[in-house]
Amino acid sequence: MSEDPDFDMEVVEDDELDELGADGASSSEETVRSDAGNPEKGYSSDRRAQNQDSTTTQKGPIPSNPSNKEDGEARRFGPFTLDVPEEWRAERQGKVKQLFTRGKQPTYAEDGVPVINQECIYWNDWHFGNLRFLDREEAKDWPEKYFPKKDDIILNSTGQGTLGRAQVYPDEERRAVDSHVTILRTTDDLNPYFHRYFLESNLGQALLYSMCVNGSTGQIELSKTRLDLMPVPIPPLPEQRKIASVLYAVDQAIQKTEAIIEQAEKIRDGVINGLFEIDGVEKVSSPDYNSPRFQSILSRREETWEESERERWEAAGEKRSIDSTKYTSPLGLGKKRLPELPDDWEWVPLDLFVAYDIDYRGKTPPYSDAGVPVISSGNLQEGKVVFEDPRYVSPSTYDEWLDRGVPREGDLIVTTEAPVGKVALYPEGKYLPTRRIIVLRTVGVDNRYLKAAMNHPAVQNYLATQSRGTTVPRILKDYLLRTPIPFPPQKEHDQITEVLKHLDAKLGKERSAQSRLKRLKTGLMQDLLTGKVRTADKAIDVLDEVVEHG
């Protein structure tokens, strides 16, 4: 896939596109330059220049835009230049519109006419489960323009992170739109799926956020006037349909993968959640640790503590003898009335399994631009550690700070603040654990099972009730270690763990496939929607869904 698109934008204000604001775009992916205020270019840095309704068409290279192709067409929209292939057009959206209108703020009712709001519109699909309702009598007074028609583009119009999401209205169902949503109805020049994919692309999002947004961070909204002025490429309609069909097919593959992931997650959650009901409760006492099974766990617990303590001081570069008096026995259960368990199961405190806790809470290291990634509570998402916006410490900082224990792959991570009770397994590699998490080294239980058990509603309820603080809930370490864990006989424990292991492997495989498909889609949008790669002469089956919409 290409790294640089064929669109070249010259921007009025340097700070408007410091970050393009969508889908991981950066200035290296979209060529963004500013010739504002340069008298030789005839541009003004005043935003009013951006709103001039003058456009010029010029074949071949424009002096101020040396990257234009000899055989292409470049159109200048005020300070912006949009470079397209010779067979394509470029127009302001206002030139191809039938209707651009924001919705109206309704008085919501329990039932009535469905109302589309921003929570209904995501890039992956419509989420009509989030519809709200307008009183039917009030709806009779609403103008028809607030009710979208099939093939309209429905565009989220307020709020950082939500503004700019768009979908094609899929049917003839009568629904209204609220004041945070905009209806875009264009002429037959634009296939709605092509238009929607352009809006999703890095360039489309960059243009929306740089040209069409009013307000400050967190309080932004689309300007309908500026939306009219935003340029859009217009290939011949057959080529639009081919481009839309390719991207639609990738979207369908992504949605199928997401459905598999969702189903596997439901099965995984049900493995524990379905084992016992939480309606009946019984009074429980701390377990009898004299049984051979518990004696074995306690013996391994102390051995692992000594081993981890020795590892800690070695990592810190200190030679110390291990002070065995610092080893502590397990704490008792933090709650005495708990749901009934199946026969031969029993409630035990989390601390029974915790041989060593690695706790770097309260320490914020000096960050660097590269080096060793940091793990904090924000990195725990959907039961795994992710690094969407990673922070780093230098290798020297890592060596200096690692004085409270050395985490290992497979250790259990638990968030203790903002929010409480998220769990994940420590990933392979070198990382520095920091604020709002604690890393637990366990014995006598598989951490896949322990992670699932801690997600059981009864356990999550305990963690919630033991948390303190209104603005930022947090749990003290002793209360965390007293967390009641449902503990099955060894045979059932092993069977459950095998099922969880299989599901985790399946989820990992499907999530990797999902990531690959999303990267493929980003690359295809960058190439196809800019004309960098042409589809006009390619044998591409146009999907019925795309033809149906224009």
Protein backbone atom coordinates (compact mmCIF):
# COMPACT_ATOMS: atom_id res chain seq x y z
CA MET A 1 0.00 0.00 0.00
CA SER A 2 1.13 3.52 -0.63
CA GLU A 3 2.34 5.71 2.17
CA ASP A 4 1.37 9.08 0.64
CA PRO A 5 -1.96 9.78 -1.01
CA ASP A 6 -2.45 11.81 -4.15
CA PHE A 7 -4.28 14.56 -2.31
CA ASP A 8 -2.27 17.63 -1.45
CA MET A 9 -3.76 20.11 1.01
CA GLU A 10 -2.45 23.55 1.79
CA VAL A 11 -3.83 24.59 5.14
CA VAL A 12 -4.75 28.04 6.41
CA GLU A 13 -3.65 27.60 10.00
CA ASP A 14 -0.62 25.54 11.01
CA ASP A 15 -2.12 24.31 14.27
CA GLU A 16 -5.38 23.02 12.78
CA LEU A 17 -3.87 19.77 11.54
CA ASP A 18 -1.08 19.10 14.02
CA GLU A 19 -2.85 15.79 14.47
CA LEU A 20 -5.28 14.86 11.73
CA GLY A 21 -7.72 13.70 14.32
CA ALA A 22 -8.89 10.32 13.02
CA ASP A 23 -7.92 6.70 12.60
CA GLY A 24 -4.27 7.09 13.44
CA ALA A 25 -3.59 9.58 10.66
CA SER A 26 -0.43 11.61 10.86
CA SER A 27 1.27 14.26 8.81
CA SER A 28 3.42 11.56 7.23
CA GLU A 29 0.32 9.78 5.93
CA GLU A 30 -1.50 12.83 4.57
CA THR A 31 0.52 15.59 2.91
CA VAL A 32 -0.51 18.72 4.79
CA ARG A 33 1.28 22.01 4.19
CA SER A 34 0.54 25.63 4.85
CA ASP A 35 1.17 28.41 2.36
CA ALA A 36 -1.03 30.74 4.39
CA GLY A 37 0.07 34.34 4.48
CA ASN A 38 2.56 33.92 1.62
CA PRO A 39 1.93 36.84 -0.78
CA GLU A 40 3.52 34.93 -3.63
CA LYS A 41 0.79 32.30 -3.32
CA GLY A 42 -1.99 34.86 -3.04
CA TYR A 43 -3.29 33.23 0.18
CA SER A 44 -4.45 34.86 3.36
CA SER A 45 -4.05 33.32 6.81
CA ASP A 46 -7.49 34.72 7.68
CA ARG A 47 -10.03 31.90 8.00
CA ARG A 48 -12.27 33.92 5.68
CA ALA A 49 -10.00 32.85 2.85
CA GLN A 50 -11.06 29.31 3.60
CA ASN A 51 -14.67 30.25 3.04
CA GLN A 52 -14.20 31.90 -0.35
CA ASP A 53 -16.46 30.25 -2.86
CA SER A 54 -13.99 30.51 -5.69
CA THR A 55 -12.60 27.37 -7.29
CA THR A 56 -10.14 27.02 -10.12
CA THR A 57 -9.34 24.08 -12.32
CA GLN A 58 -5.88 23.58 -13.73
CA LYS A 59 -4.52 20.70 -15.76
CA GLY A 60 -1.03 19.49 -14.91
CA PRO A 61 1.17 20.81 -12.10
CA ILE A 62 0.34 23.94 -10.14
CA PRO A 63 3.43 25.97 -9.18
CA SER A 64 2.48 25.95 -5.49
CA ASN A 65 1.83 22.21 -5.57
CA PRO A 66 4.82 20.43 -7.11
CA SER A 67 3.50 16.96 -6.23
CA ASN A 68 0.56 17.17 -8.63
CA LYS A 69 0.55 14.62 -11.44
CA GLU A 70 1.06 15.80 -15.03
CA ASP A 71 -2.02 13.93 -16.22
CA GLY A 72 -4.20 14.79 -13.23
CA GLU A 73 -6.58 17.58 -12.34
CA ALA A 74 -6.02 19.85 -9.37
CA ARG A 75 -8.70 22.12 -8.00
CA ARG A 76 -8.08 24.87 -5.54
CA PHE A 77 -10.74 25.59 -2.93
CA GLY A 78 -9.65 28.82 -1.30
CA PRO A 79 -6.37 27.80 0.37
CA PHE A 80 -6.92 24.07 -0.20
CA THR A 81 -5.75 22.15 -3.25
CA LEU A 82 -7.37 18.81 -4.08
CA ASP A 83 -5.46 16.72 -6.62
CA VAL A 84 -7.46 14.06 -8.49
CA PRO A 85 -6.95 11.84 -11.56
CA GLU A 86 -7.86 13.32 -14.93
CA GLU A 87 -11.13 11.37 -15.23
CA TRP A 88 -12.30 12.49 -11.78
CA ARG A 89 -13.92 15.72 -10.66
CA ALA A 90 -13.47 17.60 -7.41
CA GLU A 91 -16.27 19.74 -6.05
CA ARG A 92 -17.35 21.42 -2.88
CA GLN A 93 -19.95 19.28 -1.12
CA GLY A 94 -22.40 22.15 -1.39
CA LYS A 95 -22.31 21.84 -5.18
CA VAL A 96 -23.66 18.27 -5.06
CA LYS A 97 -26.06 18.54 -2.15
CA GLN A 98 -29.80 18.23 -2.10
CA LEU A 99 -30.13 18.67 1.66
CA PHE A 100 -27.66 19.21 4.52
CA THR A 101 -29.46 19.70 7.82
CA ARG A 102 -28.89 19.14 11.52
CA GLY A 103 -31.63 17.40 13.43
CA LYS A 104 -33.82 18.80 16.18
CA GLN A 105 -33.65 18.25 19.92
CA PRO A 106 -36.69 16.17 20.89
CA THR A 107 -38.63 15.77 24.10
CA TYR A 108 -37.95 12.11 24.70
CA ALA A 109 -40.70 9.63 25.56
CA GLU A 110 -40.82 5.98 26.61
CA ASP A 111 -42.25 5.01 23.24
CA GLY A 112 -43.04 6.62 19.92
CA VAL A 113 -41.09 7.56 16.81
CA PRO A 114 -37.47 6.27 16.95
CA VAL A 115 -34.82 8.99 17.16
CA ILE A 116 -31.27 8.50 15.88
CA ASN A 117 -28.59 9.89 18.16
CA GLN A 118 -24.80 9.71 18.10
CA GLU A 119 -24.74 6.39 19.97
CA CYS A 120 -26.52 4.80 16.99
CA ILE A 121 -23.70 5.60 14.55
CA TYR A 122 -20.36 3.78 14.68
CA TRP A 123 -17.91 2.99 11.93
CA ASN A 124 -18.46 -0.74 12.22
CA ASP A 125 -22.26 -0.61 11.80
CA TRP A 126 -25.54 0.90 12.87
CA HIS A 127 -26.38 0.42 16.56
CA PHE A 128 -30.14 0.82 16.47
CA GLY A 129 -30.34 -0.70 19.94
CA ASN A 130 -29.41 2.79 21.19
CA LEU A 131 -32.41 4.51 19.61
CA ARG A 132 -34.50 6.81 21.79
CA PHE A 133 -38.08 7.87 21.17
CA LEU A 134 -40.05 10.98 20.31
CA ASP A 135 -43.67 11.38 21.36
CA ARG A 136 -45.85 10.57 18.33
CA GLU A 137 -48.01 13.68 18.70
CA GLU A 138 -44.94 15.93 18.89
CA ALA A 139 -43.48 14.14 15.84
CA LYS A 140 -46.46 15.30 13.74
CA ASP A 141 -45.22 18.89 14.06
CA TRP A 142 -41.66 18.07 12.97
CA PRO A 143 -40.74 19.10 9.39
CA GLU A 144 -40.06 16.26 6.98
CA LYS A 145 -36.41 17.31 6.62
CA TYR A 146 -35.67 15.80 10.06
CA PHE A 147 -36.60 12.30 8.83
CA PRO A 148 -33.81 10.74 6.73
CA LYS A 149 -34.44 8.81 3.54
CA LYS A 150 -32.75 5.70 2.26
CA ASP A 151 -29.24 6.49 0.88
CA ASP A 152 -28.78 9.62 3.03
CA ILE A 153 -25.48 9.93 4.88
CA ILE A 154 -26.06 10.30 8.64
CA LEU A 155 -23.14 12.11 10.26
CA ASN A 156 -22.32 12.58 13.94
CA SER A 157 -21.87 16.31 14.47
CA THR A 158 -20.69 17.08 18.03
CA GLY A 159 -17.99 16.05 20.47
CA GLN A 160 -14.36 15.05 20.21
CA GLY A 161 -14.12 11.39 19.23
CA THR A 162 -17.75 11.10 18.14
CA LEU A 163 -17.91 13.90 15.58
CA GLY A 164 -17.35 12.62 12.05
CA ARG A 165 -18.67 9.06 12.37
CA ALA A 166 -20.97 8.34 9.44
CA GLN A 167 -23.22 5.64 8.03
CA VAL A 168 -25.51 5.23 5.00
CA TYR A 169 -29.16 5.23 6.01
CA PRO A 170 -30.13 1.64 5.20
CA ASP A 171 -33.91 1.50 4.71
CA GLU A 172 -37.26 3.29 4.45
CA GLU A 173 -38.03 3.00 8.17
CA ARG A 174 -39.33 6.29 9.55
CA ARG A 175 -36.89 7.60 12.15
CA ALA A 176 -36.02 11.14 13.18
CA VAL A 177 -32.57 12.57 13.96
CA ASP A 178 -31.69 14.64 17.01
CA SER A 179 -29.69 17.87 17.08
CA HIS A 180 -26.32 16.12 17.40
CA VAL A 181 -26.70 14.43 14.01
CA THR A 182 -26.58 15.82 10.44
CA ILE A 183 -28.35 14.47 7.35
CA LEU A 184 -26.33 14.68 4.09
CA ARG A 185 -28.44 14.11 1.00
CA THR A 186 -26.51 14.54 -2.26
CA THR A 187 -27.28 14.36 -5.95
CA ASP A 188 -26.80 11.22 -8.01
CA ASP A 189 -23.21 12.35 -8.69
CA LEU A 190 -22.13 10.63 -5.48
CA ASN A 191 -22.70 6.99 -4.56
CA PRO A 192 -23.54 7.18 -0.84
CA TYR A 193 -21.16 4.35 0.09
CA PHE A 194 -18.28 6.00 -1.77
CA HIS A 195 -19.13 9.28 -0.01
CA ARG A 196 -19.31 7.58 3.39
CA TYR A 197 -15.95 5.84 2.90
CA PHE A 198 -14.35 9.12 1.86
CA LEU A 199 -15.63 10.70 5.08
CA GLU A 200 -14.13 7.78 7.05
CA SER A 201 -10.74 8.03 5.34
CA ASN A 202 -7.81 9.81 6.95
CA LEU A 203 -8.15 12.63 4.44
CA GLY A 204 -11.92 12.96 4.86
CA GLN A 205 -11.58 13.14 8.63
CA ALA A 206 -8.72 15.64 8.30
CA LEU A 207 -10.85 17.89 6.10
CA LEU A 208 -13.84 17.62 8.46
CA TYR A 209 -11.80 18.51 11.52
CA SER A 210 -9.73 21.26 9.87
CA MET A 211 -12.40 22.96 7.74
CA CYS A 212 -15.80 22.22 9.27
CA VAL A 213 -15.47 22.32 13.06
CA ASN A 214 -16.39 25.11 15.46
CA GLY A 215 -15.66 25.29 19.18
CA SER A 216 -12.92 24.25 21.54
CA THR A 217 -11.63 20.81 22.55
CA GLY A 218 -14.41 18.68 24.01
CA GLN A 219 -17.13 21.15 22.92
CA ILE A 220 -16.72 20.97 19.16
CA GLU A 221 -19.47 20.78 16.55
CA LEU A 222 -19.83 20.75 12.78
CA SER A 223 -20.59 23.98 10.94
CA LYS A 224 -23.16 23.37 8.21
CA THR A 225 -21.81 26.32 6.20
CA ARG A 226 -18.29 24.97 6.26
CA LEU A 227 -19.59 21.49 5.49
CA ASP A 228 -20.89 22.97 2.22
CA LEU A 229 -17.40 24.26 1.43
CA MET A 230 -15.55 21.01 2.10
CA PRO A 231 -14.14 19.50 -1.13
CA VAL A 232 -14.87 15.92 -2.16
CA PRO A 233 -13.49 13.83 -5.06
CA ILE A 234 -16.04 12.56 -7.58
CA PRO A 235 -14.88 9.69 -9.82
CA PRO A 236 -17.15 8.40 -12.60
CA LEU A 237 -20.08 6.59 -10.99
CA PRO A 238 -19.03 3.08 -12.17
CA GLU A 239 -15.63 3.60 -10.53
CA GLN A 240 -17.25 4.87 -7.33
CA ARG A 241 -19.28 1.67 -7.19
CA LYS A 242 -16.19 -0.52 -7.64
CA ILE A 243 -14.28 1.34 -4.94
CA ALA A 244 -17.25 1.15 -2.57
CA SER A 245 -17.70 -2.58 -3.31
CA VAL A 246 -14.08 -3.37 -2.42
CA LEU A 247 -14.29 -1.47 0.87
CA TYR A 248 -17.76 -2.82 1.66
CA ALA A 249 -16.48 -6.38 1.21
CA VAL A 250 -13.65 -5.73 3.67
CA ASP A 251 -16.16 -4.21 6.10
CA GLN A 252 -18.28 -7.36 5.88
CA ALA A 253 -15.23 -9.50 6.70
CA ILE A 254 -14.45 -7.25 9.68
CA GLN A 255 -18.04 -7.55 10.93
CA LYS A 256 -17.98 -11.35 10.63
CA THR A 257 -14.75 -11.43 12.63
CA GLU A 258 -16.26 -9.15 15.27
CA ALA A 259 -19.29 -11.45 15.52
CA ILE A 260 -17.01 -14.46 16.09
CA ILE A 261 -15.12 -12.53 18.76
CA GLU A 262 -18.34 -11.46 20.47
CA GLN A 263 -19.65 -15.04 20.50
CA ALA A 264 -16.39 -16.45 21.89
CA GLU A 265 -16.39 -13.78 24.61
CA LYS A 266 -19.94 -14.71 25.59
CA ILE A 267 -19.00 -18.39 25.83
CA ARG A 268 -15.91 -17.55 27.88
CA ASP A 269 -17.88 -15.36 30.28
CA GLY A 270 -20.57 -18.04 30.57
CA VAL A 271 -18.04 -20.69 31.59
CA ILE A 272 -17.81 -19.10 35.03
CA ASN A 273 -21.04 -17.12 35.23
CA GLY A 274 -23.16 -20.21 34.56
CA LEU A 275 -21.56 -22.42 37.17
CA PHE A 276 -23.65 -21.16 40.06
CA GLU A 277 -26.48 -18.73 40.72
CA ILE A 278 -26.07 -15.63 42.82
CA ASP A 279 -29.60 -15.61 44.24
CA GLY A 280 -29.14 -17.89 47.24
CA VAL A 281 -26.59 -16.95 49.91
CA GLU A 282 -25.03 -18.85 52.74
CA LYS A 283 -22.86 -18.01 55.68
CA VAL A 284 -19.30 -19.14 55.04
CA SER A 285 -16.18 -19.29 57.13
CA SER A 286 -12.54 -19.25 56.16
CA PRO A 287 -11.41 -22.56 54.63
CA ASP A 288 -9.74 -25.32 56.59
CA TYR A 289 -6.14 -25.19 55.45
CA ASN A 290 -5.29 -28.58 56.98
CA SER A 291 -6.36 -30.55 53.91
CA PRO A 292 -3.53 -31.96 51.74
CA ARG A 293 -4.54 -29.75 48.81
CA PHE A 294 -4.35 -26.54 50.82
CA GLN A 295 -1.16 -27.64 52.59
CA SER A 296 0.45 -28.11 49.18
CA ILE A 297 -0.64 -24.62 48.09
CA LEU A 298 0.66 -23.05 51.30
CA SER A 299 4.02 -24.79 50.96
CA ARG A 300 4.45 -23.61 47.35
CA ARG A 301 3.25 -20.15 48.36
CA GLU A 302 6.10 -19.69 50.86
CA GLU A 303 8.69 -21.13 48.46
CA THR A 304 7.59 -18.79 45.68
CA TRP A 305 7.67 -15.82 48.05
CA GLU A 306 11.31 -16.53 48.94
CA GLU A 307 12.22 -17.03 45.27
CA SER A 308 10.53 -13.76 44.25
CA GLU A 309 12.09 -11.84 47.13
CA ARG A 310 15.54 -13.06 46.09
CA GLU A 311 14.82 -12.08 42.46
CA ARG A 312 13.76 -8.62 43.61
CA TRP A 313 17.02 -7.81 45.35
CA GLU A 314 19.10 -9.26 42.55
CA ALA A 315 17.31 -7.00 40.06
CA ALA A 316 17.96 -4.03 42.36
CA GLY A 317 21.67 -4.90 42.42
CA GLU A 318 21.72 -5.63 46.14
CA LYS A 319 22.90 -8.74 47.92
CA ARG A 320 20.65 -9.46 50.86
CA SER A 321 19.76 -12.53 52.86
CA ILE A 322 16.06 -13.31 52.84
CA ASP A 323 14.26 -12.28 56.02
CA SER A 324 11.72 -15.10 56.37
CA THR A 325 9.92 -13.25 59.18
CA LYS A 326 8.48 -10.89 56.54
CA TYR A 327 6.51 -13.73 54.96
CA THR A 328 2.83 -13.50 55.93
CA SER A 329 0.13 -16.16 56.00
CA PRO A 330 -3.02 -15.71 53.89
CA LEU A 331 -5.61 -13.19 55.04
CA GLY A 332 -9.15 -14.38 55.72
CA LEU A 333 -12.27 -13.89 53.63
CA GLY A 334 -13.51 -10.32 53.35
CA LYS A 335 -17.17 -11.33 53.35
CA LYS A 336 -19.05 -13.95 55.35
CA ARG A 337 -22.32 -14.19 53.40
CA LEU A 338 -21.77 -15.40 49.84
CA PRO A 339 -23.69 -17.19 47.07
CA GLU A 340 -24.11 -20.93 47.42
CA LEU A 341 -21.62 -23.00 45.45
CA PRO A 342 -21.89 -26.42 43.80
CA ASP A 343 -20.98 -29.44 45.88
CA ASP A 344 -17.28 -29.73 46.74
CA TRP A 345 -16.62 -26.10 45.77
CA GLU A 346 -15.69 -23.57 48.41
CA TRP A 347 -15.01 -19.89 48.82
CA VAL A 348 -11.37 -19.02 49.50
CA PRO A 349 -9.62 -15.65 49.83
CA LEU A 350 -7.59 -14.46 46.84
CA ASP A 351 -4.64 -14.19 49.20
CA LEU A 352 -4.50 -17.99 49.51
CA PHE A 353 -3.03 -18.05 46.00
CA VAL A 354 -0.96 -14.84 46.16
CA ALA A 355 2.62 -15.74 46.93
CA TYR A 356 4.01 -12.30 46.05
CA ASP A 357 2.59 -8.92 45.13
CA ILE A 358 4.52 -6.49 42.96
CA ASP A 359 3.22 -3.05 43.78
CA TYR A 360 4.46 0.12 42.08
CA ARG A 361 1.40 2.20 42.92
CA GLY A 362 2.06 5.74 44.01
CA LYS A 363 5.12 6.05 41.78
CA THR A 364 5.01 7.96 38.50
CA PRO A 365 8.22 7.53 36.53
CA PRO A 366 9.75 10.10 34.17
CA TYR A 367 8.50 9.18 30.71
CA SER A 368 10.53 9.15 27.51
CA ASP A 369 9.76 9.04 23.78
CA ALA A 370 10.94 5.44 23.46
CA GLY A 371 12.32 2.59 25.51
CA VAL A 372 10.46 0.21 27.84
CA PRO A 373 6.63 0.36 27.61
CA VAL A 374 4.68 1.22 30.76
CA ILE A 375 1.60 -0.68 31.96
CA SER A 376 -1.04 1.22 33.92
CA SER A 377 -4.78 0.77 34.45
CA GLY A 378 -5.60 2.35 31.10
CA ASN A 379 -3.78 -0.45 29.28
CA LEU A 380 -6.20 -3.11 30.56
CA GLN A 381 -9.05 -3.48 28.06
CA GLU A 382 -11.41 -6.42 27.58
CA GLY A 383 -9.28 -8.76 29.65
CA LYS A 384 -5.97 -8.07 27.95
CA VAL A 385 -3.14 -5.56 27.92
CA VAL A 386 -3.20 -3.22 24.92
CA PHE A 387 -0.87 -0.42 23.88
CA GLU A 388 -2.96 1.88 21.67
CA ASP A 389 -1.26 5.00 23.00
CA PRO A 390 1.88 3.65 24.69
CA ARG A 391 4.07 5.46 27.17
CA TYR A 392 7.70 4.61 27.71
CA VAL A 393 10.51 4.92 30.20
CA SER A 394 14.16 4.81 29.31
CA PRO A 395 16.06 1.55 29.93
CA SER A 396 18.05 3.30 32.67
CA THR A 397 14.81 4.43 34.39
CA TYR A 398 13.48 0.88 34.16
CA ASP A 399 16.61 -0.53 35.83
CA GLU A 400 16.54 2.17 38.50
CA TRP A 401 12.85 1.82 39.34
CA LEU A 402 12.51 -1.94 39.33
CA ASP A 403 13.10 -2.35 43.07
CA ARG A 404 9.76 -3.76 44.25
CA GLY A 405 9.79 -7.02 42.35
CA VAL A 406 10.18 -8.31 38.79
CA PRO A 407 6.92 -9.22 36.98
CA ARG A 408 6.79 -12.37 34.86
CA GLU A 409 4.73 -13.39 31.89
CA GLY A 410 1.45 -14.90 33.12
CA ASP A 411 1.33 -13.01 36.44
CA LEU A 412 -2.12 -11.62 37.25
CA ILE A 413 -2.63 -7.85 36.84
CA VAL A 414 -5.48 -6.24 38.80
CA THR A 415 -6.52 -2.59 38.64
CA THR A 416 -7.03 -1.06 42.07
CA GLU A 417 -8.28 2.36 40.95
CA ALA A 418 -10.11 4.01 38.05
CA PRO A 419 -11.59 1.43 37.66
CA VAL A 420 -11.36 -1.27 40.33
CA GLY A 421 -11.23 -4.95 39.42
CA LYS A 422 -10.14 -5.17 35.80
CA VAL A 423 -7.89 -8.19 35.33
CA ALA A 424 -5.45 -9.39 32.68
CA LEU A 425 -2.43 -11.65 32.38
CA TYR A 426 1.00 -10.05 32.29
CA PRO A 427 2.20 -10.16 28.66
CA GLU A 428 5.45 -11.53 27.29
CA GLY A 429 8.25 -8.97 27.21
CA LYS A 430 9.74 -6.24 29.36
CA TYR A 431 7.40 -3.62 30.84
CA LEU A 432 7.28 -1.31 33.84
CA PRO A 433 4.09 -1.59 35.95
CA THR A 434 3.07 1.77 37.38
CA ARG A 435 0.11 3.55 38.91
CA ARG A 436 -3.28 2.02 39.72
CA ILE A 437 -2.36 -1.62 39.16
CA ILE A 438 -0.91 -4.40 41.25
CA VAL A 439 0.79 -7.51 39.86
CA LEU A 440 0.11 -10.79 41.70
CA ARG A 441 2.27 -13.91 41.48
CA THR A 442 0.07 -16.87 42.29
CA VAL A 443 0.38 -20.58 43.07
CA GLY A 444 -2.11 -23.43 43.25
CA VAL A 445 -4.44 -22.05 40.57
CA ASP A 446 -4.26 -21.37 36.85
CA ASN A 447 -4.43 -17.63 36.29
CA ARG A 448 -6.78 -18.13 33.35
CA TYR A 449 -9.26 -19.60 35.78
CA LEU A 450 -8.51 -16.93 38.39
CA LYS A 451 -9.01 -14.14 35.85
CA ALA A 452 -12.38 -15.59 34.84
CA ALA A 453 -13.45 -16.13 38.45
CA MET A 454 -12.65 -12.52 39.34
CA ASN A 455 -14.98 -11.41 36.56
CA HIS A 456 -17.91 -13.31 38.08
CA PRO A 457 -20.69 -10.88 39.13
CA ALA A 458 -20.48 -11.99 42.78
CA VAL A 459 -16.76 -11.23 42.91
CA GLN A 460 -17.11 -7.95 41.03
CA ASN A 461 -19.87 -6.97 43.47
CA TYR A 462 -17.52 -7.58 46.40
CA LEU A 463 -14.81 -5.42 44.79
CA ALA A 464 -17.32 -2.62 44.17
CA THR A 465 -18.66 -2.66 47.74
CA GLN A 466 -15.16 -2.62 49.22
CA SER A 467 -14.00 0.32 47.10
CA ARG A 468 -13.70 3.78 48.62
CA GLY A 469 -13.90 7.23 47.08
CA THR A 470 -16.65 8.93 45.10
CA THR A 471 -14.77 10.70 42.31
CA VAL A 472 -12.14 7.99 41.81
CA PRO A 473 -13.05 4.68 43.50
CA ARG A 474 -10.11 2.67 44.80
CA ILE A 475 -9.60 -0.48 46.86
CA LEU A 476 -7.00 -1.01 49.57
CA LYS A 477 -4.62 -3.93 49.09
CA ASP A 478 -5.84 -5.84 52.16
CA TYR A 479 -9.44 -5.72 50.93
CA LEU A 480 -8.31 -6.86 47.49
CA LEU A 481 -6.40 -9.82 48.95
CA ARG A 482 -9.49 -10.82 50.97
CA THR A 483 -11.57 -11.06 47.77
CA PRO A 484 -13.67 -14.29 47.84
CA ILE A 485 -12.82 -16.66 44.97
CA PRO A 486 -14.98 -19.70 44.05
CA PHE A 487 -12.58 -22.66 44.09
CA PRO A 488 -13.61 -25.96 42.44
CA PRO A 489 -12.14 -29.45 42.90
CA GLN A 490 -8.92 -29.97 40.95
CA LYS A 491 -10.51 -32.00 38.15
CA GLU A 492 -13.15 -29.35 37.44
CA HIS A 493 -10.54 -26.60 37.77
CA ASP A 494 -8.43 -28.28 35.08
CA GLN A 495 -11.42 -28.84 32.78
CA ILE A 496 -12.53 -25.23 33.05
CA THR A 497 -8.98 -24.03 32.45
CA GLU A 498 -8.69 -26.09 29.24
CA VAL A 499 -11.90 -24.56 27.91
CA LEU A 500 -10.67 -21.07 28.78
CA LYS A 501 -7.29 -21.78 27.18
CA HIS A 502 -9.00 -22.86 23.95
CA LEU A 503 -11.27 -19.80 23.91
CA ASP A 504 -8.35 -17.43 24.62
CA ALA A 505 -6.44 -18.94 21.70
CA LYS A 506 -9.46 -18.53 19.44
CA LEU A 507 -9.96 -14.95 20.57
CA GLY A 508 -6.30 -14.16 20.00
CA LYS A 509 -6.46 -15.57 16.48
CA GLU A 510 -9.65 -13.68 15.59
CA ARG A 511 -8.41 -10.40 17.08
CA SER A 512 -5.22 -10.69 15.02
CA ALA A 513 -7.33 -11.27 11.91
CA GLN A 514 -9.47 -8.27 12.83
CA SER A 515 -6.39 -6.06 13.17
CA ARG A 516 -5.07 -7.22 9.79
CA LEU A 517 -8.39 -6.49 8.10
CA LYS A 518 -8.56 -3.02 9.63
CA ARG A 519 -5.03 -2.25 8.43
CA LEU A 520 -5.99 -3.55 4.98
CA LYS A 521 -9.05 -1.31 4.90
CA THR A 522 -7.03 1.75 5.92
CA GLY A 523 -4.53 1.09 3.16
CA LEU A 524 -7.23 0.48 0.57
CA MET A 525 -9.05 3.69 1.49
CA GLN A 526 -5.81 5.62 1.20
CA ASP A 527 -5.08 4.17 -2.26
CA LEU A 528 -8.53 3.84 -3.84
CA LEU A 529 -10.21 7.02 -2.60
CA THR A 530 -7.32 9.16 -3.81
CA GLY A 531 -6.97 7.54 -7.23
CA LYS A 532 -3.48 6.30 -6.39
CA VAL A 533 -4.70 2.84 -7.39
CA ARG A 534 -7.36 2.86 -10.12
CA THR A 535 -10.25 0.42 -10.39
CA ALA A 536 -11.74 1.67 -13.66
CA ASP A 537 -10.10 -1.05 -15.75
CA LYS A 538 -10.27 -3.77 -13.09
CA ALA A 539 -12.74 -6.68 -13.23
CA ILE A 540 -14.43 -6.02 -9.89
CA ASP A 541 -17.89 -7.34 -9.12
CA VAL A 542 -20.06 -4.48 -7.94
CA LEU A 543 -22.00 -5.67 -4.90
CA ASP A 544 -25.79 -5.57 -4.99
CA GLU A 545 -25.80 -3.60 -1.74
CA VAL A 546 -23.73 -0.85 -3.38
CA VAL A 547 -25.76 -0.75 -6.60
CA GLU A 548 -28.97 -0.61 -4.59
CA HIS A 549 -27.80 2.64 -3.00
CA GLY A 550 -26.92 4.51 -6.19
